[in-house]
Amino acid sequence: MGELRVQLAESGADAERLDQLTGYLRQELLELDVDDVTALPAGEPPPGTRGIEALAIGSLLVTFAETTQGVRKVVSVIRSWLARGGDGVKRTIRLELDGDVLELSEVSATEQTRLIELFVTRHEGSTEE
């Protein structure tokens, strides 16, 4: 099973806006053939606080069958989300799969395609078709 960590950011966005964007992206990802899309915990709660787990705003964990097509589909949805930022809005996505990190922001569509292909290709050997 693959686990892709997703961290998203948008210039000028407050915590509420990031939470909203994360929810929209989560819904889009759940439409794919993935096992689950959950919010990532922010880490251990500070000492002296109750045991309620805080969630990292703008962070998702996507679990899916380890296939190259699974990775491609998930990354394709994330790339579409990134492109919908609009004029003057800078969005950044950080993806981590098996310790391999890909960060996309204000690069050309051609460069995004090249970087995504490299990222997906690196994981083809460790996945099953």
C-alpha atoms as a PDB file:
ATOM      1  CA  MET A   1       0.000   0.000   0.000  1.00  0.00           C
ATOM      2  CA  GLY A   2       1.297   3.448  -0.912  1.00  0.00           C
ATOM      3  CA  GLU A   3       1.165   6.419   1.402  1.00  0.00           C
ATOM      4  CA  LEU A   4       1.508   9.839  -0.155  1.00  0.00           C
ATOM      5  CA  ARG A   5       1.876  12.795   2.199  1.00  0.00           C
ATOM      6  CA  VAL A   6       0.510  16.034   0.786  1.00  0.00           C
ATOM      7  CA  GLN A   7       1.210  19.489   2.185  1.00  0.00           C
ATOM      8  CA  LEU A   8      -0.525  22.408   0.514  1.00  0.00           C
ATOM      9  CA  ALA A   9      -0.088  26.136   0.909  1.00  0.00           C
ATOM     10  CA  GLU A  10      -1.566  29.248  -0.648  1.00  0.00           C
ATOM     11  CA  SER A  11      -0.040  32.705  -0.389  1.00  0.00           C
ATOM     12  CA  GLY A  12      -1.983  34.954   1.962  1.00  0.00           C
ATOM     13  CA  ALA A  13      -4.242  32.136   3.179  1.00  0.00           C
ATOM     14  CA  ASP A  14      -5.144  31.993   6.862  1.00  0.00           C
ATOM     15  CA  ALA A  15      -5.774  28.751   8.780  1.00  0.00           C
ATOM     16  CA  GLU A  16      -9.487  28.767   7.926  1.00  0.00           C
ATOM     17  CA  ARG A  17      -8.804  29.166   4.191  1.00  0.00           C
ATOM     18  CA  LEU A  18      -6.167  26.392   4.238  1.00  0.00           C
ATOM     19  CA  ASP A  19      -8.579  24.107   6.063  1.00  0.00           C
ATOM     20  CA  GLN A  20     -11.222  24.832   3.416  1.00  0.00           C
ATOM     21  CA  LEU A  21      -8.786  24.191   0.544  1.00  0.00           C
ATOM     22  CA  THR A  22      -7.610  20.973   2.174  1.00  0.00           C
ATOM     23  CA  GLY A  23     -11.222  19.805   2.434  1.00  0.00           C
ATOM     24  CA  TYR A  24     -11.858  20.522  -1.249  1.00  0.00           C
ATOM     25  CA  LEU A  25      -8.734  18.645  -2.309  1.00  0.00           C
ATOM     26  CA  ARG A  26      -9.618  15.747   0.006  1.00  0.00           C
ATOM     27  CA  GLN A  27     -13.062  15.431  -1.620  1.00  0.00           C
ATOM     28  CA  GLU A  28     -11.509  15.372  -5.094  1.00  0.00           C
ATOM     29  CA  LEU A  29      -9.015  12.707  -4.054  1.00  0.00           C
ATOM     30  CA  LEU A  30     -11.730  10.553  -2.487  1.00  0.00           C
ATOM     31  CA  GLU A  31     -13.404  10.365  -5.912  1.00  0.00           C
ATOM     32  CA  LEU A  32     -10.400   8.345  -7.100  1.00  0.00           C
ATOM     33  CA  ASP A  33      -9.856   4.666  -6.425  1.00  0.00           C
ATOM     34  CA  VAL A  34      -7.906   5.322  -3.211  1.00  0.00           C
ATOM     35  CA  ASP A  35      -8.176   3.535   0.104  1.00  0.00           C
ATOM     36  CA  ASP A  36      -8.442   6.690   2.198  1.00  0.00           C
ATOM     37  CA  VAL A  37      -7.564  10.372   2.466  1.00  0.00           C
ATOM     38  CA  THR A  38      -7.090  11.617   6.011  1.00  0.00           C
ATOM     39  CA  ALA A  39      -5.764  14.696   7.734  1.00  0.00           C
ATOM     40  CA  LEU A  40      -2.266  14.299   9.129  1.00  0.00           C
ATOM     41  CA  PRO A  41      -1.760  14.835  12.848  1.00  0.00           C
ATOM     42  CA  ALA A  42       0.281  17.903  13.776  1.00  0.00           C
ATOM     43  CA  GLY A  43       2.380  15.856  16.183  1.00  0.00           C
ATOM     44  CA  GLU A  44       2.359  15.310  19.889  1.00  0.00           C
ATOM     45  CA  PRO A  45       0.139  17.710  21.850  1.00  0.00           C
ATOM     46  CA  PRO A  46       2.038  20.145  24.074  1.00  0.00           C
ATOM     47  CA  PRO A  47       2.725  18.925  27.622  1.00  0.00           C
ATOM     48  CA  GLY A  48      -0.098  19.650  30.029  1.00  0.00           C
ATOM     49  CA  THR A  49      -2.823  19.651  27.366  1.00  0.00           C
ATOM     50  CA  ARG A  50      -5.587  17.140  26.974  1.00  0.00           C
ATOM     51  CA  GLY A  51      -5.056  14.164  24.675  1.00  0.00           C
ATOM     52  CA  ILE A  52      -6.986  15.655  21.777  1.00  0.00           C
ATOM     53  CA  GLU A  53      -4.964  15.176  18.619  1.00  0.00           C
ATOM     54  CA  ALA A  54      -4.372  18.365  16.693  1.00  0.00           C
ATOM     55  CA  LEU A  55      -4.407  18.103  12.921  1.00  0.00           C
ATOM     56  CA  ALA A  56      -1.839  19.732  10.677  1.00  0.00           C
ATOM     57  CA  ILE A  57      -3.676  22.318   8.598  1.00  0.00           C
ATOM     58  CA  GLY A  58      -3.081  21.817   4.901  1.00  0.00           C
ATOM     59  CA  SER A  59      -1.777  18.256   5.294  1.00  0.00           C
ATOM     60  CA  LEU A  60      -3.279  15.040   3.966  1.00  0.00           C
ATOM     61  CA  LEU A  61      -2.269  11.387   3.911  1.00  0.00           C
ATOM     62  CA  VAL A  62      -3.471   9.545   0.808  1.00  0.00           C
ATOM     63  CA  THR A  63      -3.353   5.751   1.005  1.00  0.00           C
ATOM     64  CA  PHE A  64      -3.808   3.754  -2.179  1.00  0.00           C
ATOM     65  CA  ALA A  65      -2.919   0.502  -3.880  1.00  0.00           C
ATOM     66  CA  GLU A  66       0.711   0.644  -4.945  1.00  0.00           C
ATOM     67  CA  THR A  67       0.352   0.920  -8.680  1.00  0.00           C
ATOM     68  CA  THR A  68       1.980   3.372 -11.004  1.00  0.00           C
ATOM     69  CA  GLN A  69      -1.462   4.376 -12.249  1.00  0.00           C
ATOM     70  CA  GLY A  70      -2.576   5.010  -8.668  1.00  0.00           C
ATOM     71  CA  VAL A  71       0.295   7.434  -8.156  1.00  0.00           C
ATOM     72  CA  ARG A  72      -0.349   9.070 -11.534  1.00  0.00           C
ATOM     73  CA  LYS A  73      -4.061   9.602 -10.842  1.00  0.00           C
ATOM     74  CA  VAL A  74      -3.491  11.081  -7.399  1.00  0.00           C
ATOM     75  CA  VAL A  75      -0.737  13.394  -8.656  1.00  0.00           C
ATOM     76  CA  SER A  76      -2.904  14.415 -11.629  1.00  0.00           C
ATOM     77  CA  VAL A  77      -5.727  15.563  -9.340  1.00  0.00           C
ATOM     78  CA  ILE A  78      -3.256  17.434  -7.153  1.00  0.00           C
ATOM     79  CA  ARG A  79      -1.714  19.109 -10.194  1.00  0.00           C
ATOM     80  CA  SER A  80      -5.172  20.235 -11.389  1.00  0.00           C
ATOM     81  CA  TRP A  81      -5.854  21.699  -7.944  1.00  0.00           C
ATOM     82  CA  LEU A  82      -2.548  23.554  -8.086  1.00  0.00           C
ATOM     83  CA  ALA A  83      -3.413  25.060 -11.492  1.00  0.00           C
ATOM     84  CA  ARG A  84      -6.737  26.427 -10.210  1.00  0.00           C
ATOM     85  CA  GLY A  85      -5.028  28.915  -7.907  1.00  0.00           C
ATOM     86  CA  GLY A  86      -5.968  31.801 -10.159  1.00  0.00           C
ATOM     87  CA  ASP A  87      -4.092  34.946 -11.088  1.00  0.00           C
ATOM     88  CA  GLY A  88      -1.983  36.416  -8.353  1.00  0.00           C
ATOM     89  CA  VAL A  89      -2.505  33.434  -6.031  1.00  0.00           C
ATOM     90  CA  LYS A  90       0.585  31.353  -5.414  1.00  0.00           C
ATOM     91  CA  ARG A  91      -0.130  27.761  -4.464  1.00  0.00           C
ATOM     92  CA  THR A  92       2.491  25.266  -3.431  1.00  0.00           C
ATOM     93  CA  ILE A  93       2.182  21.513  -3.084  1.00  0.00           C
ATOM     94  CA  ARG A  94       4.708  19.277  -1.362  1.00  0.00           C
ATOM     95  CA  LEU A  95       4.392  15.544  -2.024  1.00  0.00           C
ATOM     96  CA  GLU A  96       6.291  12.837  -0.173  1.00  0.00           C
ATOM     97  CA  LEU A  97       6.242   9.173  -1.127  1.00  0.00           C
ATOM     98  CA  ASP A  98       8.660   6.649   0.388  1.00  0.00           C
ATOM     99  CA  GLY A  99      10.951   9.472   1.535  1.00  0.00           C
ATOM    100  CA  ASP A 100      11.047  10.997  -1.963  1.00  0.00           C
ATOM    101  CA  VAL A 101       9.877  14.635  -2.025  1.00  0.00           C
ATOM    102  CA  LEU A 102       8.453  16.670  -4.894  1.00  0.00           C
ATOM    103  CA  GLU A 103       7.542  20.322  -4.399  1.00  0.00           C
ATOM    104  CA  LEU A 104       5.590  22.179  -7.071  1.00  0.00           C
ATOM    105  CA  SER A 105       4.734  25.852  -7.140  1.00  0.00           C
ATOM    106  CA  GLU A 106       5.237  28.492  -9.773  1.00  0.00           C
ATOM    107  CA  VAL A 107       6.874  26.449 -12.514  1.00  0.00           C
ATOM    108  CA  SER A 108       5.687  26.171 -16.085  1.00  0.00           C
ATOM    109  CA  ALA A 109       3.255  23.425 -17.080  1.00  0.00           C
ATOM    110  CA  THR A 110       6.047  21.806 -19.103  1.00  0.00           C
ATOM    111  CA  GLU A 111       8.382  21.782 -16.110  1.00  0.00           C
ATOM    112  CA  GLN A 112       5.607  20.435 -13.843  1.00  0.00           C
ATOM    113  CA  THR A 113       4.993  17.589 -16.288  1.00  0.00           C
ATOM    114  CA  ARG A 114       8.706  16.768 -16.393  1.00  0.00           C
ATOM    115  CA  LEU A 115       9.055  16.818 -12.598  1.00  0.00           C
ATOM    116  CA  ILE A 116       5.915  14.732 -12.079  1.00  0.00           C
ATOM    117  CA  GLU A 117       7.077  12.149 -14.628  1.00  0.00           C
ATOM    118  CA  LEU A 118      10.428  11.857 -12.849  1.00  0.00           C
ATOM    119  CA  PHE A 119       8.678  11.508  -9.477  1.00  0.00           C
ATOM    120  CA  VAL A 120       6.248   8.825 -10.700  1.00  0.00           C
ATOM    121  CA  THR A 121       8.927   6.963 -12.664  1.00  0.00           C
ATOM    122  CA  ARG A 122      11.139   6.700  -9.569  1.00  0.00           C
ATOM    123  CA  HIS A 123       8.339   4.766  -7.882  1.00  0.00           C
ATOM    124  CA  GLU A 124       7.514   2.405 -10.750  1.00  0.00           C
ATOM    125  CA  GLY A 125      10.097  -0.148  -9.660  1.00  0.00           C
ATOM    126  CA  SER A 126       8.659  -0.370  -6.151  1.00  0.00           C
ATOM    127  CA  THR A 127       5.038  -0.689  -7.281  1.00  0.00           C
ATOM    128  CA  GLU A 128       3.014  -3.474  -8.784  1.00  0.00           C
ATOM    129  CA  GLU A 129       0.976  -3.049 -11.935  1.00  0.00           C
END
